[in-house]
Protein backbone atom coordinates (compact mmCIF):
# COMPACT_ATOMS: atom_id res chain seq x y z
CA MET A 1 14.42 93.72 -170.78
CA LEU A 2 12.78 96.85 -169.39
CA ASP A 3 12.04 99.55 -171.93
CA ASN A 4 12.76 103.26 -171.57
CA ARG A 5 9.17 104.14 -170.66
CA THR A 6 9.27 101.71 -167.74
CA PHE A 7 12.44 103.33 -166.42
CA MET A 8 10.85 106.76 -166.72
CA VAL A 9 7.67 105.73 -164.89
CA ALA A 10 9.75 104.02 -162.15
CA GLY A 11 11.84 107.17 -161.84
CA LEU A 12 8.68 109.29 -161.56
CA VAL A 13 7.32 107.09 -158.75
CA ALA A 14 10.67 107.05 -156.87
CA THR A 15 11.14 110.81 -157.06
CA LEU A 16 7.53 111.36 -155.95
CA VAL A 17 8.10 109.18 -152.86
CA PHE A 18 11.36 110.93 -151.97
CA PHE A 19 9.85 114.35 -152.58
CA LEU A 20 6.99 113.66 -150.17
CA ALA A 21 9.37 112.16 -147.59
CA THR A 22 11.79 115.08 -147.63
CA LEU A 23 8.89 117.55 -147.67
CA VAL A 24 7.50 116.07 -144.45
CA ILE A 25 10.97 116.10 -142.86
CA SER A 26 11.52 119.71 -143.93
CA LEU A 27 8.20 120.79 -142.44
CA THR A 28 8.74 118.98 -139.13
CA THR A 29 12.51 119.51 -138.70
CA ARG A 30 13.33 123.11 -139.46
CA ARG A 31 16.69 123.40 -137.76
CA TYR A 32 18.77 121.51 -140.35
CA ARG A 33 20.11 123.71 -143.10
CA GLY A 34 19.83 122.44 -146.67
CA LEU A 35 16.69 120.34 -146.26
CA TRP A 36 14.54 122.70 -148.28
CA TRP A 37 17.09 122.80 -151.11
CA TRP A 38 17.09 119.00 -151.19
CA THR A 39 13.28 118.86 -151.18
CA LEU A 40 13.21 121.35 -154.05
CA GLY A 41 15.69 119.18 -155.94
CA ASN A 42 13.46 116.12 -155.48
CA GLY A 43 10.46 118.10 -156.69
CA LEU A 44 12.33 119.20 -159.82
CA TYR A 45 13.46 115.60 -160.53
CA MET A 46 9.84 114.52 -160.19
CA LEU A 47 8.83 117.18 -162.74
CA SER A 48 11.71 116.06 -164.95
CA PHE A 49 10.55 112.43 -165.05
CA PHE A 50 7.00 113.65 -165.53
CA GLY A 51 8.12 115.61 -168.59
CA PHE A 52 9.97 112.60 -169.98
CA VAL A 53 6.94 110.31 -169.53
CA PHE A 54 4.50 112.76 -171.14
CA GLN A 55 6.85 114.19 -173.74
CA ASN A 56 4.44 113.54 -176.62
CA TYR A 57 1.55 115.40 -175.00
CA THR A 58 3.02 118.91 -174.85
CA PRO A 59 2.85 121.16 -177.93
CA PRO A 60 5.28 121.96 -179.33
CA TRP A 61 6.58 118.46 -178.77
CA TYR A 62 10.13 119.47 -177.81
CA LEU A 63 8.97 121.81 -175.00
CA SER A 64 8.39 118.91 -172.62
CA LEU A 65 11.92 117.60 -173.14
CA LEU A 66 13.38 121.09 -172.84
CA LEU A 67 11.63 121.72 -169.51
CA ALA A 68 12.39 118.19 -168.28
CA ASN A 69 16.11 118.59 -168.98
CA LEU A 70 16.22 122.04 -167.37
CA ALA A 71 14.33 120.75 -164.32
CA SER A 72 16.81 117.89 -163.91
CA LEU A 73 19.76 120.31 -164.22
CA ILE A 74 18.25 122.66 -161.62
CA GLY A 75 17.67 119.61 -159.43
CA VAL A 76 21.39 118.72 -159.58
CA ILE A 77 22.26 122.33 -158.71
CA CYS A 78 19.76 122.33 -155.82
CA TRP A 79 21.31 119.15 -154.42
CA ASN A 80 24.73 120.74 -154.65
CA PHE A 81 23.40 123.79 -152.80
CA SER A 82 21.73 121.54 -150.24
CA ILE A 83 24.96 119.75 -149.32
CA ARG A 84 26.78 123.07 -149.13
CA ARG A 85 24.13 124.55 -146.84
CA PHE A 86 24.12 121.38 -144.75
CA LEU A 87 27.86 121.76 -144.24
CA GLY A 88 27.67 125.52 -143.71
CA LEU A 89 29.48 126.40 -146.96
CA PRO A 90 28.70 129.35 -149.27
CA LEU A 91 26.45 128.81 -152.30
CA PRO A 92 27.83 129.39 -155.85
CA LEU A 93 24.74 131.26 -156.99
CA GLY A 94 26.54 133.04 -159.85
CA PRO A 95 27.90 129.90 -161.56
CA GLY A 96 24.57 128.15 -161.04
CA LEU A 97 22.59 130.91 -162.77
CA ALA A 98 25.15 131.24 -165.55
CA SER A 99 25.18 127.51 -166.35
CA LEU A 100 21.38 127.39 -166.30
CA ILE A 101 21.04 130.28 -168.77
CA LEU A 102 23.70 128.83 -171.08
CA VAL A 103 22.19 125.34 -171.12
CA ALA A 104 18.65 126.69 -171.61
CA ALA A 105 19.83 128.73 -174.61
CA LEU A 106 21.70 125.81 -176.19
CA LEU A 107 18.85 123.34 -175.68
CA HIS A 108 16.35 125.76 -177.14
CA TYR A 109 18.64 126.44 -180.10
CA TYR A 110 19.17 122.74 -180.88
CA SER A 111 15.45 122.04 -180.45
CA ALA A 112 13.65 124.95 -182.14
CA TRP A 113 16.24 126.44 -184.51
CA GLN A 114 18.89 123.90 -185.35
CA PHE A 115 17.27 120.58 -184.52
CA ASN A 116 19.88 118.08 -183.35
CA THR A 117 18.96 115.45 -180.78
CA SER A 118 22.54 114.23 -180.26
CA LEU A 119 23.86 117.69 -179.48
CA ARG A 120 21.04 118.25 -177.00
CA VAL A 121 22.05 115.08 -175.18
CA VAL A 122 25.72 116.12 -175.24
CA VAL A 123 24.89 119.57 -173.85
CA ILE A 124 22.74 118.31 -171.00
CA SER A 125 25.22 115.53 -170.13
CA LEU A 126 28.13 117.95 -170.03
CA SER A 127 26.09 120.33 -167.86
CA TYR A 128 25.47 117.60 -165.23
CA ALA A 129 29.07 116.49 -164.92
CA PRO A 130 30.65 119.64 -163.36
CA TRP A 131 28.02 119.90 -160.64
CA CYS A 132 28.39 116.21 -159.75
CA LEU A 133 32.18 116.58 -159.67
CA ASP A 134 31.91 119.65 -157.45
CA LEU A 135 29.54 117.81 -155.12
CA ALA A 136 31.99 114.89 -154.85
CA ARG A 137 34.83 117.34 -154.13
CA VAL A 138 32.89 119.14 -151.39
CA LEU A 139 31.90 115.90 -149.69
CA TRP A 140 35.41 114.49 -149.87
CA ARG A 141 36.96 117.58 -148.28
CA GLU A 142 34.51 117.71 -145.36
CA ARG A 143 36.07 114.98 -143.20
CA GLU A 144 34.28 116.00 -140.00
CA ILE A 145 30.90 114.64 -141.13
CA ALA A 146 29.75 112.23 -138.43
CA SER A 147 28.63 109.57 -140.94
CA PRO A 148 31.69 108.67 -143.05
CA ALA A 149 29.94 105.74 -144.77
CA SER A 150 27.11 107.93 -146.04
CA ARG A 151 29.53 110.68 -146.99
CA ASN A 152 31.78 108.32 -148.93
CA THR A 153 28.84 106.64 -150.68
CA LEU A 154 27.37 110.00 -151.64
CA SER A 155 30.75 111.25 -152.85
CA LEU A 156 31.45 108.12 -154.89
CA THR A 157 27.92 108.21 -156.35
CA SER A 158 28.48 111.82 -157.43
CA LEU A 159 31.80 110.88 -158.95
CA ALA A 160 30.29 107.88 -160.75
CA LEU A 161 27.44 109.99 -162.13
CA ALA A 162 29.89 112.61 -163.37
CA GLY A 163 31.91 109.89 -165.10
CA PHE A 164 28.83 108.36 -166.65
CA PHE A 165 27.59 111.70 -168.01
CA LEU A 166 30.98 112.34 -169.56
CA PHE A 167 30.88 108.88 -171.11
CA ARG A 168 27.36 109.53 -172.39
CA ALA A 169 28.44 112.83 -173.93
CA LEU A 170 31.28 111.05 -175.75
CA ALA A 171 29.24 107.97 -176.77
CA THR A 172 26.07 109.75 -177.97
CA PRO A 173 27.50 110.79 -181.41
CA PHE A 174 28.25 107.09 -182.06
CA ASN A 175 24.84 105.93 -180.84
CA PRO A 176 22.40 108.80 -181.39
CA PRO A 177 18.93 108.58 -179.85
CA GLY A 178 15.79 108.37 -181.95
CA ASP A 179 13.20 111.05 -182.45
CA THR A 180 11.71 110.21 -179.03
CA LEU A 181 13.14 108.72 -175.88
CA PHE A 182 10.71 105.82 -176.10
CA GLN A 183 12.48 104.29 -179.12
CA PRO A 184 14.79 101.40 -178.22
CA ASN A 185 18.31 102.66 -177.51
CA TRP A 186 20.67 101.00 -175.06
CA LEU A 187 22.42 104.24 -174.18
CA VAL A 188 19.15 106.05 -173.41
CA GLY A 189 17.92 103.12 -171.34
CA LEU A 190 21.20 102.93 -169.45
CA ALA A 191 21.09 106.68 -168.84
CA MET A 192 17.58 106.47 -167.41
CA ALA A 193 18.49 103.49 -165.21
CA VAL A 194 21.67 105.16 -163.92
CA PHE A 195 19.84 108.42 -163.33
CA MET A 196 17.08 106.67 -161.37
CA MET A 197 19.55 104.67 -159.27
CA GLY A 198 21.57 107.82 -158.63
CA VAL A 199 18.48 109.63 -157.37
CA MET A 200 17.70 106.78 -154.99
CA LEU A 201 21.27 106.52 -153.67
CA PHE A 202 21.53 110.28 -153.25
CA ASN A 203 18.35 110.45 -151.20
CA ILE A 204 19.19 107.46 -149.02
CA CYS A 205 22.66 108.79 -148.22
CA PHE A 206 21.44 112.33 -147.58
CA LEU A 207 18.70 111.12 -145.25
CA ALA A 208 21.34 109.06 -143.44
CA LEU A 209 23.46 112.19 -143.01
CA VAL A 210 20.46 114.07 -141.60
CA THR A 211 19.65 111.19 -139.25
CA VAL A 212 23.21 111.01 -137.92
CA ARG A 213 23.31 114.80 -137.52
CA HIS A 214 19.99 114.64 -135.67
CA GLU A 215 21.29 111.95 -133.31
CA ARG A 216 24.50 113.88 -132.72
CA ASP A 217 22.54 117.06 -131.99
CA LEU A 218 20.36 115.15 -129.54
CA GLN A 219 23.47 113.82 -127.80
CA ASP A 220 24.93 117.32 -127.69
CA LYS A 221 21.70 118.64 -126.19
CA ILE A 222 21.69 115.85 -123.61
CA LEU A 223 25.31 116.61 -122.70
CA GLU A 224 24.52 120.32 -122.52
CA LEU A 225 21.51 119.60 -120.32
CA ASN A 226 23.62 117.38 -118.07
CA ARG A 227 26.24 120.13 -117.81
CA GLU A 228 23.55 122.64 -116.88
CA ILE A 229 22.20 120.24 -114.25
CA GLU A 230 25.71 119.72 -112.85
CA LEU A 231 26.33 123.46 -112.80
CA ARG A 232 23.01 124.01 -111.07
CA HIS A 233 23.78 121.34 -108.48
CA ALA A 234 27.23 122.85 -107.95
CA LEU A 235 25.67 126.28 -107.55
CA GLU A 236 23.10 124.94 -105.10
CA GLU A 237 25.85 123.21 -103.12
CA ARG A 238 27.94 126.39 -103.12
CA LEU A 239 24.97 128.45 -101.96
CA ALA A 240 24.20 125.86 -99.29
CA ARG A 241 27.82 125.99 -98.09
CA GLU A 242 27.82 129.77 -98.12
CA ALA A 243 24.59 129.77 -96.14
CA THR A 244 26.23 127.67 -93.41
CA LEU A 245 29.81 129.00 -93.46
CA ASP A 246 31.34 132.15 -92.06
CA PRO A 247 32.82 134.11 -94.99
CA LEU A 248 35.76 135.51 -92.98
CA THR A 249 37.11 132.38 -91.31
CA GLY A 250 35.53 129.57 -93.35
CA LEU A 251 34.17 128.01 -90.16
CA ALA A 252 30.58 126.98 -89.59
CA ASN A 253 28.29 129.89 -88.85
CA ARG A 254 25.73 130.22 -86.08
CA ARG A 255 22.96 128.66 -88.15
CA LYS A 256 25.03 125.55 -88.91
CA LEU A 257 26.14 125.32 -85.27
CA GLU A 258 22.56 125.36 -84.01
CA GLU A 259 21.54 122.62 -86.48
CA LEU A 260 24.42 120.35 -85.39
CA ALA A 261 23.88 121.16 -81.72
CA ALA A 262 20.22 120.14 -81.92
CA LYS A 263 21.23 116.73 -83.35
CA SER A 264 23.99 116.25 -80.78
CA LEU A 265 21.60 117.09 -77.94
CA THR A 266 19.11 114.53 -79.21
CA VAL A 267 21.84 111.84 -79.24
CA ALA A 268 23.10 112.85 -75.79
CA ARG A 269 19.60 112.86 -74.28
CA ARG A 270 18.50 109.59 -75.93
CA HIS A 271 21.66 107.52 -75.40
CA GLY A 272 23.16 109.24 -72.37
CA ARG A 273 26.26 110.31 -74.26
CA PRO A 274 28.44 113.16 -72.90
CA LEU A 275 28.45 116.48 -74.74
CA ALA A 276 30.50 119.60 -74.05
CA LEU A 277 30.63 123.15 -75.29
CA LEU A 278 33.43 125.70 -75.42
CA MET A 279 32.75 129.39 -75.76
CA ILE A 280 35.84 131.30 -76.91
CA ASP A 281 36.34 135.06 -76.88
CA VAL A 282 39.36 137.11 -78.01
CA ASP A 283 40.75 139.22 -75.18
CA GLN A 284 40.70 142.99 -75.75
CA PHE A 285 39.68 142.56 -79.38
CA LYS A 286 38.40 146.14 -79.54
CA ARG A 287 41.90 147.40 -78.75
CA ILE A 288 43.31 145.39 -81.68
CA ASN A 289 40.80 147.00 -84.02
CA ASP A 290 41.36 150.49 -82.63
CA GLN A 291 45.17 150.38 -82.57
CA GLN A 292 45.96 148.21 -85.61
CA GLY A 293 42.86 148.57 -87.74
CA HIS A 294 40.03 146.28 -88.71
CA GLN A 295 42.20 144.37 -91.17
CA ALA A 296 44.46 143.36 -88.30
CA GLY A 297 41.38 142.34 -86.33
CA ASP A 298 40.14 140.20 -89.21
CA ALA A 299 43.59 138.62 -89.50
CA ALA A 300 43.56 137.82 -85.79
CA LEU A 301 40.20 136.07 -86.14
CA ARG A 302 41.47 134.01 -89.08
CA VAL A 303 44.61 133.05 -87.14
CA LEU A 304 42.55 132.07 -84.12
CA ALA A 305 40.20 129.99 -86.26
CA ASP A 306 43.15 128.18 -87.86
CA LEU A 307 44.93 127.53 -84.54
CA CYS A 308 41.82 126.12 -82.91
CA GLN A 309 40.62 124.16 -85.93
CA ARG A 310 43.90 122.26 -86.21
CA GLN A 311 43.49 120.90 -82.67
CA MET A 312 39.87 119.80 -83.08
CA ARG A 313 38.82 116.25 -83.76
CA GLU A 314 37.00 115.32 -86.94
CA GLU A 315 33.66 115.02 -85.13
CA ASP A 316 34.08 118.39 -83.37
CA THR A 317 32.57 121.58 -84.81
CA LEU A 318 34.17 124.98 -84.45
CA ALA A 319 31.89 127.86 -85.39
CA ARG A 320 32.11 131.60 -85.42
CA PHE A 321 29.22 132.61 -83.20
CA GLY A 322 29.42 136.33 -83.84
CA GLY A 323 31.98 139.13 -83.75
CA ASP A 324 35.06 137.80 -81.92
CA GLU A 325 33.22 134.92 -80.25
CA PHE A 326 33.66 131.30 -81.28
CA VAL A 327 31.88 128.18 -80.09
CA ALA A 328 33.23 124.64 -80.19
CA LEU A 329 30.73 121.77 -80.05
CA LEU A 330 32.39 118.60 -78.69
CA PRO A 331 30.25 115.43 -79.03
CA HIS A 332 31.12 112.38 -76.88
CA THR A 333 33.26 114.62 -74.65
CA SER A 334 33.06 114.79 -70.88
CA LEU A 335 33.48 118.02 -68.93
CA ASP A 336 37.00 117.07 -67.84
CA GLN A 337 38.03 116.28 -71.42
CA ALA A 338 36.52 119.58 -72.55
CA LEU A 339 38.53 121.45 -69.90
CA GLU A 340 41.72 119.79 -71.16
CA MET A 341 40.84 120.77 -74.73
CA ALA A 342 40.09 124.35 -73.65
CA GLU A 343 43.38 124.68 -71.79
CA ARG A 344 45.24 123.32 -74.79
CA LEU A 345 43.59 125.87 -77.06
CA ARG A 346 44.31 128.71 -74.65
CA GLY A 347 47.97 127.70 -74.36
CA SER A 348 48.50 127.42 -78.11
CA VAL A 349 47.01 130.87 -78.74
CA GLU A 350 49.09 132.40 -75.94
CA ALA A 351 52.27 130.77 -77.31
CA PHE A 352 51.48 132.11 -80.74
CA GLY A 353 50.96 135.63 -79.36
CA ARG A 354 54.31 135.52 -77.56
CA ALA A 355 56.30 134.16 -80.52
CA GLU A 356 58.94 136.47 -81.98
CA GLY A 357 57.70 138.32 -85.04
CA CYS A 358 54.07 137.42 -84.40
CA PRO A 359 51.75 139.65 -86.46
CA GLN A 360 49.29 139.71 -83.53
CA PRO A 361 51.54 140.14 -80.46
CA GLY A 362 49.96 139.46 -77.10
CA LEU A 363 46.98 137.60 -78.62
CA THR A 364 45.11 135.63 -75.92
CA ILE A 365 41.67 134.12 -75.47
CA SER A 366 39.28 133.38 -72.64
CA LEU A 367 37.14 130.27 -72.62
CA GLY A 368 33.97 129.14 -70.90
CA VAL A 369 33.22 125.42 -70.69
CA SER A 370 29.90 123.69 -70.04
CA GLY A 371 28.71 120.11 -70.21
CA PHE A 372 25.36 118.56 -71.05
CA GLN A 373 23.00 118.09 -68.11
CA PRO A 374 19.86 115.92 -68.16
CA GLY A 375 17.70 118.93 -67.50
CA ASP A 376 18.87 120.83 -70.57
CA ALA A 377 15.83 121.52 -72.71
CA SER A 378 17.69 123.01 -75.65
CA PHE A 379 21.02 124.21 -76.96
CA ALA A 380 20.32 127.59 -75.37
CA ASP A 381 20.67 126.06 -71.87
CA LEU A 382 24.08 124.62 -72.68
CA LEU A 383 25.14 127.88 -74.31
CA ALA A 384 23.93 129.96 -71.36
CA ARG A 385 26.18 128.10 -68.91
CA ALA A 386 29.19 128.35 -71.25
CA ASP A 387 28.57 132.08 -71.60
CA ALA A 388 28.34 132.44 -67.81
CA ALA A 389 31.67 130.62 -67.49
CA LEU A 390 33.21 132.86 -70.14
CA TYR A 391 31.96 135.89 -68.20
CA GLN A 392 33.70 134.52 -65.14
CA ALA A 393 36.94 134.00 -67.09
CA LYS A 394 36.85 137.57 -68.35
CA ALA A 395 36.07 138.95 -64.90
CA SER A 396 38.92 136.92 -63.41
CA GLY A 397 41.57 138.58 -65.54
CA ARG A 398 41.25 137.05 -69.05
CA ASN A 399 43.48 134.45 -70.71
CA ARG A 400 42.02 131.64 -68.66
CA VAL A 401 39.51 128.80 -68.74
CA CYS A 402 36.48 128.61 -66.45
CA GLN A 403 33.82 125.94 -66.23
CA ALA A 404 30.14 126.35 -65.50
CA ARG A 405 29.04 125.09 -62.13
CA VAL A 406 26.61 122.19 -62.06
CA GLY A 407 23.04 123.44 -62.14
CA GLU A 408 24.13 126.97 -63.06
CA ALA A 409 22.10 128.81 -65.64
CA GLY A 410 22.64 132.19 -67.11
CA ASP A 411 21.17 134.80 -69.34
CA PRO A 412 23.72 135.09 -72.17
CA PRO A 413 22.48 138.45 -73.52
CA LEU A 414 22.48 139.97 -70.04
CA ARG A 415 25.91 138.60 -69.11
CA ARG A 416 27.36 139.60 -72.48
CA ARG A 417 26.12 143.18 -72.09
CA GLU A 418 27.52 143.34 -68.58
CA ARG A 419 30.88 141.94 -69.70
CA GLU A 420 31.13 144.36 -72.61
CA SER A 421 30.30 147.35 -70.42
CA ARG A 422 33.01 146.46 -67.87
CA ASP A 423 35.65 145.14 -70.29
CA PRO A 424 35.07 146.11 -73.96
CA THR A 425 36.51 143.41 -76.22
């Protein structure tokens, strides 16, 4: 059977190992509250076992036991504080200081003034029990801890230690210890064994709680990082859409149109596919702005965009080219098909403008149509012919569709300036 000294030396070695382990964790992982309190508790338990082992080498002889018992009591309080800090609960500093002063006074009295070993054991045992009970209560109430097995084990260990200390306080008068703790005494040996096992279980469970909290925090950080990445991607996509969309109508803007037109021209030139372009202009748009206000003009542009967009195919692109001008890019569309599409658009807008109660009465559009020719070097050539046809439609009385003649080229800026000077829109 192991003697009391063996238990004390084993306890000293165990507490030294746990103290060093928690010290390293505390130094390297600073973001978990309560770690330093737990490390301090391990250090005090190490000093407590050290005092028990070398109790006969400190004059006066009882001073070593007095300091060892106080160190172990402060260690229990530190562990209680550590769990509370870990869970974000307030620390009972007042009760802790009061119990420490009271126990220190009683132990000193029954050691130096009224020597009584049994009463010293009763006092220190009764001082452990409330803090262990409080620790069990705190752990049991905190159900949100991510490691229920560690929490339950730690809570039950605290409860078992509290029960054992109460039993020791009651049993000590019937089995008093000898003059030193090294004398054979089953109750002293059991107390040392239980105390050492409790220290080991407490540390293992607490380190498990820290590990689970660390893993959960890492998962939270990963989720947070993923959310930030998703938000950044969403923002980039939104900015990319805004960079290629017209804010008033929601259609593609000129930049997006030119990108798609360049691709469509490459396909048409390489594979001989037909390609057509519609240039759309609101008739007398300036008069709408002047007579009804710019809000009415904006509303007319949105209505026009909606009317035209609903009649486009999925592969077609309708873009706001600038001001009251729109351009429709029609891949795989011959010139005849484009003329039919243009006439359909013109008719739908005219019908809308003539409808009873229309918010934009008399709304009409003029359209210029051009088709891809093998000699087209760029989108500008196709656009120039459509603009020339639009100029012709405007000059011919508006609200009509005109097509560019084969081989015709134009200077869109020049024709647009001439059209605007003769017929402001």
